[in-house]
Amino acid sequence: MPDAIVAEGLVKKYGDVVALDGMDLTVPEGTVLGLLGPNGAGKTTTVRILTTLLTPDAGHATVAGFDVVRDARRLRARIGASGQYAAVDDHLTGAENLEMVGRLYHLGTRRSRERARELLERFDLTGAADRPVQGYSGGMRRRLDLAGALVADPPVLFLDEPTTGLDPRARASLWDVISELVAAGTTVLLTTQYMEEADRLADRVAVVDHGRVIALGTADELKSHVGGDRIELSVTSAADLASATRVLAPLSAGAPQSDATALRVTIPVAGGASALTEALVRLAAERITVRDAGLRRPTLDDVFLTLTGREADEKTKETAR
């Protein structure tokens, strides 16, 4: 399967700040690569270079066979992009927004109008087609913005945190649309801080930190690197939390993690259900009151925390980079 996106050794600096420090990426045609990383890791800078909005200081990249610097003008007709904020004109109607995008792609007035109506129907916006966008809900604006990225039917699509700020229902709706596009052959590079989003959509996940990829694989492969099962339990007091962490340390296959705010301790274990049983026996012997306990598999949140040393913050967005 040929690669739709190839980036090799991308470097980008803003004064003394190194946004990208040798970024390498490959995305095979018809697949989704999810970029995960803390704020300022370089995700948005990567997207801006691959969509020709920024020029790298070093390295090179191709998208759909076109060099992002030398062939920037021709490349723009082969890609679509949807960013963290819906890039729509509030004073135009939904239909007018999409028709305007079509004309910018030189589709002609007639084809632009036809394509706008096709996409409005696809994104369930036909009823609002002739209403000014300023009256749209957040979910409607997001759907319209994604529709705008698809006007020219691009083979490669860049989605930079496309569902940030959406409620769960609107997010799930956009996930369905993205899945349909990929099933039809579209290649997608997706930046996100929603772990569930990457788990659901991405064929491979690249964890980015300090301007480079620090881990790459399927979601299951990355989870397996973190370790096996985890015992997660909560207690009723800070004193019990400290005691539970001490009592459970001998059972742990790695460093226990405690959350003082939630009064919760998490330990990686190798014994599965038997380890959970032993943990509860030891806690009962020490008269530590357990409010809740369970056994779970690692998540992408665990991968993120283990690799970057930071928790993913789903409420904030990368800005400077």
Protein backbone atom coordinates (compact mmCIF):
# COMPACT_ATOMS: atom_id res chain seq x y z
CA MET A 1 0.00 0.00 0.00
CA PRO A 2 1.61 3.33 -1.05
CA ASP A 3 2.03 6.14 1.48
CA ALA A 4 -0.23 9.16 1.09
CA ILE A 5 1.77 11.23 3.60
CA VAL A 6 5.53 11.08 4.17
CA ALA A 7 7.42 13.45 6.47
CA GLU A 8 11.14 13.08 7.10
CA GLY A 9 13.19 15.07 9.58
CA LEU A 10 10.86 18.08 9.78
CA VAL A 11 12.29 20.93 11.86
CA LYS A 12 10.50 24.16 12.73
CA LYS A 13 11.68 26.85 15.13
CA TYR A 14 10.03 30.00 16.44
CA GLY A 15 12.98 32.01 17.68
CA ASP A 16 14.54 29.95 20.46
CA VAL A 17 11.53 27.63 20.68
CA VAL A 18 11.90 24.34 18.80
CA ALA A 19 8.41 23.29 17.71
CA LEU A 20 9.51 20.34 15.56
CA ASP A 21 12.79 18.56 16.15
CA GLY A 22 13.07 15.90 13.45
CA MET A 23 9.44 14.85 12.92
CA ASP A 24 9.05 11.63 10.92
CA LEU A 25 5.67 10.31 9.77
CA THR A 26 4.22 7.95 7.18
CA VAL A 27 0.51 7.41 6.54
CA PRO A 28 -0.52 4.68 4.08
CA GLU A 29 -3.35 5.47 1.68
CA GLY A 30 -6.84 4.82 3.02
CA THR A 31 -5.81 4.75 6.68
CA VAL A 32 -6.05 7.01 9.73
CA LEU A 33 -2.99 8.10 11.70
CA GLY A 34 -3.80 9.61 15.08
CA LEU A 35 -1.35 12.15 16.50
CA LEU A 36 -1.43 12.29 20.29
CA GLY A 37 0.64 14.62 22.40
CA PRO A 38 0.53 17.21 25.18
CA ASN A 39 -0.02 20.86 24.44
CA GLY A 40 2.94 22.30 22.56
CA ALA A 41 4.18 18.89 21.40
CA GLY A 42 4.18 19.98 17.75
CA LYS A 43 0.96 18.43 16.44
CA THR A 44 -0.56 21.58 14.98
CA THR A 45 2.76 22.75 13.54
CA THR A 46 3.04 19.40 11.76
CA VAL A 47 -0.43 19.81 10.25
CA ARG A 48 0.32 23.37 9.16
CA ILE A 49 3.46 22.26 7.33
CA LEU A 50 1.73 19.32 5.66
CA THR A 51 -1.11 21.58 4.50
CA THR A 52 1.38 24.15 3.07
CA LEU A 53 0.53 26.85 5.63
CA LEU A 54 4.06 26.81 7.06
CA THR A 55 7.46 26.14 5.51
CA PRO A 56 9.78 23.81 7.46
CA ASP A 57 13.23 25.02 8.43
CA ALA A 58 14.65 21.60 7.56
CA GLY A 59 13.49 18.21 6.35
CA HIS A 60 10.95 17.51 3.65
CA ALA A 61 7.47 16.06 3.21
CA THR A 62 5.15 14.88 0.47
CA VAL A 63 1.39 14.58 0.51
CA ALA A 64 -0.49 12.73 -2.24
CA GLY A 65 2.81 12.61 -4.13
CA PHE A 66 3.40 16.38 -4.04
CA ASP A 67 6.23 18.11 -2.20
CA VAL A 68 4.70 20.43 0.41
CA VAL A 69 7.10 23.25 -0.51
CA ARG A 70 7.89 22.92 -4.23
CA ASP A 71 4.40 21.73 -5.25
CA ALA A 72 2.37 23.66 -2.67
CA ARG A 73 -0.05 25.21 -5.16
CA ARG A 74 -0.93 21.93 -6.84
CA LEU A 75 -1.11 20.11 -3.52
CA ARG A 76 -3.77 22.43 -2.13
CA ALA A 77 -6.26 21.10 -4.67
CA ARG A 78 -5.69 17.55 -3.37
CA ILE A 79 -6.22 18.06 0.35
CA GLY A 80 -8.92 19.13 2.77
CA ALA A 81 -8.45 20.47 6.28
CA SER A 82 -10.63 21.09 9.32
CA GLY A 83 -9.08 22.81 12.32
CA GLN A 84 -9.76 23.34 16.00
CA TYR A 85 -12.17 26.15 15.20
CA ALA A 86 -14.88 26.02 12.54
CA ALA A 87 -13.67 28.17 9.63
CA VAL A 88 -17.06 29.35 8.43
CA ASP A 89 -18.54 32.76 7.66
CA ASP A 90 -21.26 33.58 10.18
CA HIS A 91 -22.98 36.02 7.85
CA LEU A 92 -23.43 33.53 5.00
CA THR A 93 -25.86 30.65 4.95
CA GLY A 94 -24.66 27.07 5.13
CA ALA A 95 -25.18 26.63 1.40
CA GLU A 96 -23.38 29.89 0.59
CA ASN A 97 -20.38 28.86 2.71
CA LEU A 98 -19.95 25.61 0.79
CA GLU A 99 -20.58 27.24 -2.59
CA MET A 100 -17.88 29.78 -1.81
CA VAL A 101 -15.41 26.98 -1.02
CA GLY A 102 -16.29 25.31 -4.30
CA ARG A 103 -15.55 28.48 -6.24
CA LEU A 104 -12.21 28.83 -4.43
CA TYR A 105 -11.41 25.33 -5.68
CA HIS A 106 -12.40 26.52 -9.19
CA LEU A 107 -15.26 24.04 -9.47
CA GLY A 108 -17.45 26.57 -11.24
CA THR A 109 -20.75 28.06 -10.08
CA ARG A 110 -22.99 25.15 -11.13
CA ARG A 111 -20.80 22.37 -9.75
CA SER A 112 -20.16 24.33 -6.54
CA ARG A 113 -23.90 24.62 -5.98
CA GLU A 114 -24.44 20.93 -6.69
CA ARG A 115 -21.63 19.88 -4.40
CA ALA A 116 -22.91 22.14 -1.61
CA ARG A 117 -26.34 20.49 -1.74
CA GLU A 118 -24.79 17.00 -1.77
CA LEU A 119 -22.75 17.73 1.33
CA LEU A 120 -25.53 19.50 3.19
CA GLU A 121 -27.62 16.38 2.77
CA ARG A 122 -24.77 14.09 3.77
CA PHE A 123 -24.16 16.03 6.98
CA ASP A 124 -27.85 16.35 7.81
CA LEU A 125 -27.85 20.12 7.31
CA THR A 126 -30.40 20.41 4.51
CA GLY A 127 -32.99 21.94 6.84
CA ALA A 128 -30.55 24.68 7.81
CA ALA A 129 -29.02 25.18 4.35
CA ASP A 130 -30.52 28.62 3.82
CA ARG A 131 -30.09 29.92 7.36
CA PRO A 132 -27.17 32.18 8.37
CA VAL A 133 -24.45 30.19 10.13
CA GLN A 134 -24.47 32.55 13.11
CA GLY A 135 -27.61 30.73 14.24
CA TYR A 136 -26.04 27.26 14.04
CA SER A 137 -25.21 25.18 17.11
CA GLY A 138 -21.62 24.16 17.81
CA GLY A 139 -22.21 20.69 16.39
CA MET A 140 -23.79 22.08 13.23
CA ARG A 141 -20.86 24.45 12.70
CA ARG A 142 -18.42 21.57 13.07
CA ARG A 143 -20.32 19.48 10.54
CA LEU A 144 -20.40 22.40 8.12
CA ASP A 145 -16.66 22.96 8.56
CA LEU A 146 -15.93 19.31 7.81
CA ALA A 147 -18.25 19.49 4.81
CA GLY A 148 -16.22 22.44 3.57
CA ALA A 149 -13.05 20.35 3.79
CA LEU A 150 -14.70 17.78 1.51
CA VAL A 151 -16.02 20.06 -1.21
CA ALA A 152 -13.25 19.12 -3.65
CA ASP A 153 -13.49 15.43 -2.67
CA PRO A 154 -9.83 15.38 -1.52
CA PRO A 155 -7.96 12.07 -1.23
CA VAL A 156 -6.16 13.31 1.92
CA LEU A 157 -7.86 14.96 4.86
CA PHE A 158 -6.25 16.73 7.84
CA LEU A 159 -8.34 17.01 10.99
CA ASP A 160 -6.80 19.08 13.77
CA GLU A 161 -8.77 18.31 16.95
CA PRO A 162 -12.03 18.38 14.97
CA THR A 163 -14.37 17.43 17.84
CA THR A 164 -13.00 19.68 20.59
CA GLY A 165 -15.86 21.24 22.52
CA LEU A 166 -18.59 19.00 21.10
CA ASP A 167 -21.02 17.08 23.26
CA PRO A 168 -20.74 13.26 23.17
CA ARG A 169 -23.61 12.83 20.70
CA ALA A 170 -22.22 15.35 18.20
CA ARG A 171 -18.75 13.84 18.58
CA ALA A 172 -20.04 10.33 17.85
CA SER A 173 -21.86 11.65 14.78
CA LEU A 174 -18.65 13.12 13.38
CA TRP A 175 -16.80 9.89 14.13
CA ASP A 176 -19.31 8.03 11.97
CA VAL A 177 -18.74 10.45 9.09
CA ILE A 178 -14.96 10.11 9.36
CA SER A 179 -15.23 6.31 9.41
CA GLU A 180 -17.36 6.41 6.24
CA LEU A 181 -14.80 8.60 4.48
CA VAL A 182 -11.95 6.24 5.33
CA ALA A 183 -13.97 3.22 4.23
CA ALA A 184 -14.35 4.95 0.85
CA GLY A 185 -10.56 5.38 0.54
CA THR A 186 -9.79 8.76 2.12
CA THR A 187 -6.51 9.09 4.03
CA VAL A 188 -6.82 10.96 7.34
CA LEU A 189 -4.26 12.53 9.65
CA LEU A 190 -6.04 13.25 12.92
CA THR A 191 -4.69 15.21 15.86
CA THR A 192 -6.63 14.72 19.05
CA GLN A 193 -6.44 14.82 22.82
CA TYR A 194 -9.46 12.55 23.21
CA MET A 195 -8.07 9.09 23.88
CA GLU A 196 -11.38 7.45 22.97
CA GLU A 197 -11.29 9.22 19.61
CA ALA A 198 -7.88 7.82 18.72
CA ASP A 199 -8.90 4.36 19.94
CA ARG A 200 -12.04 4.44 17.81
CA LEU A 201 -10.71 5.95 14.56
CA ALA A 202 -6.96 5.49 14.20
CA ASP A 203 -5.35 2.52 12.45
CA ARG A 204 -2.06 3.63 14.01
CA VAL A 205 -1.25 6.09 16.76
CA ALA A 206 1.86 8.29 16.94
CA VAL A 207 2.64 9.77 20.34
CA VAL A 208 4.39 13.12 19.88
CA ASP A 209 6.40 15.03 22.45
CA HIS A 210 8.97 17.83 22.14
CA GLY A 211 8.56 17.96 18.37
CA ARG A 212 9.21 14.32 17.52
CA VAL A 213 7.47 10.95 17.50
CA ILE A 214 8.36 8.99 20.64
CA ALA A 215 6.11 5.95 20.03
CA LEU A 216 4.23 4.54 17.05
CA GLY A 217 1.93 1.56 16.62
CA THR A 218 -1.63 0.37 16.79
CA ALA A 219 -3.56 1.25 19.93
CA ASP A 220 -3.26 -2.35 21.15
CA GLU A 221 0.50 -2.43 20.48
CA LEU A 222 1.06 0.77 22.46
CA LYS A 223 -1.10 -0.50 25.32
CA SER A 224 0.87 -3.74 25.44
CA HIS A 225 4.09 -1.76 25.91
CA VAL A 226 2.65 -0.16 29.03
CA GLY A 227 2.00 -3.54 30.64
CA GLY A 228 -0.83 -5.87 31.53
CA ASP A 229 -3.81 -5.52 33.80
CA ARG A 230 -4.26 -2.83 36.41
CA ILE A 231 -5.92 -2.91 39.77
CA GLU A 232 -7.69 0.37 40.40
CA LEU A 233 -9.34 1.04 43.74
CA SER A 234 -10.53 3.96 45.80
CA VAL A 235 -10.53 4.40 49.56
CA THR A 236 -12.25 6.68 52.03
CA SER A 237 -9.44 8.82 53.45
CA ALA A 238 -5.97 10.19 52.72
CA ALA A 239 -4.55 8.01 55.50
CA ASP A 240 -6.05 4.91 53.90
CA LEU A 241 -4.66 5.99 50.53
CA ALA A 242 -1.11 6.08 51.87
CA SER A 243 -1.60 2.76 53.66
CA ALA A 244 -3.14 1.10 50.59
CA THR A 245 -0.26 2.26 48.39
CA ARG A 246 2.22 0.77 50.86
CA VAL A 247 0.34 -2.52 51.31
CA LEU A 248 -0.14 -3.08 47.58
CA ALA A 249 3.40 -2.19 46.52
CA PRO A 250 4.66 -5.82 46.80
CA LEU A 251 1.95 -6.95 44.34
CA SER A 252 2.77 -4.27 41.79
CA ALA A 253 4.55 -5.07 38.53
CA GLY A 254 5.51 -1.40 38.29
CA ALA A 255 5.32 1.83 40.22
CA PRO A 256 1.94 2.36 41.94
CA GLN A 257 0.19 5.61 41.04
CA SER A 258 -1.97 7.43 43.56
CA ASP A 259 -4.45 10.24 43.06
CA ALA A 260 -4.85 12.21 46.29
CA THR A 261 -7.85 14.14 45.01
CA ALA A 262 -9.86 11.08 43.99
CA LEU A 263 -8.42 8.95 46.82
CA ARG A 264 -7.54 6.36 44.18
CA VAL A 265 -4.54 4.07 43.73
CA THR A 266 -3.64 2.20 40.55
CA ILE A 267 -1.08 -0.61 40.31
CA PRO A 268 0.00 -2.69 37.31
CA VAL A 269 -0.21 -6.42 38.02
CA ALA A 270 0.62 -9.67 36.28
CA GLY A 271 -1.84 -11.97 38.02
CA GLY A 272 -5.16 -10.64 36.76
CA ALA A 273 -8.17 -11.64 38.88
CA SER A 274 -6.05 -13.58 41.38
CA ALA A 275 -3.97 -10.44 42.02
CA LEU A 276 -7.15 -8.47 42.69
CA THR A 277 -8.31 -11.10 45.18
CA GLU A 278 -4.96 -11.03 46.96
CA ALA A 279 -5.01 -7.23 47.06
CA LEU A 280 -8.43 -7.17 48.73
CA VAL A 281 -7.33 -9.78 51.27
CA ARG A 282 -4.26 -7.72 52.20
CA LEU A 283 -6.26 -4.52 52.49
CA ALA A 284 -8.88 -6.20 54.68
CA ALA A 285 -6.12 -7.55 56.95
CA GLU A 286 -4.90 -3.98 57.44
CA ARG A 287 -8.49 -2.79 58.03
CA ILE A 288 -8.33 -0.40 55.09
CA THR A 289 -11.81 0.50 53.89
CA VAL A 290 -12.16 0.06 50.13
CA ARG A 291 -14.91 2.11 48.52
CA ASP A 292 -14.56 0.62 45.04
CA ALA A 293 -12.18 -1.80 43.31
CA GLY A 294 -11.77 -3.28 39.86
CA LEU A 295 -9.46 -4.81 37.30
CA ARG A 296 -8.97 -3.10 33.95
CA ARG A 297 -6.83 -3.19 30.84
CA PRO A 298 -4.42 -0.33 30.00
CA THR A 299 -5.90 2.56 28.04
CA LEU A 300 -4.36 5.11 25.71
CA ASP A 301 -4.47 7.47 28.69
CA ASP A 302 -2.05 5.12 30.43
CA VAL A 303 0.17 5.07 27.35
CA PHE A 304 0.11 8.86 27.17
CA LEU A 305 0.98 9.28 30.86
CA THR A 306 3.72 6.64 30.78
CA LEU A 307 5.42 8.02 27.67
CA THR A 308 5.10 11.75 28.29
CA GLY A 309 4.89 11.92 32.07
CA ARG A 310 1.78 14.07 31.72
CA GLU A 311 -1.93 13.40 31.63
CA ALA A 312 -3.90 14.25 28.50
CA ASP A 313 -5.97 17.38 29.07
CA GLU A 314 -9.09 17.18 26.95
CA LYS A 315 -10.17 20.72 27.79
CA THR A 316 -7.18 22.57 26.44
CA LYS A 317 -5.63 22.90 23.02
CA GLU A 318 -2.22 23.33 21.54
CA THR A 319 -1.72 26.98 20.79
CA ALA A 320 1.84 28.21 20.39
CA ARG A 321 2.83 25.30 18.20
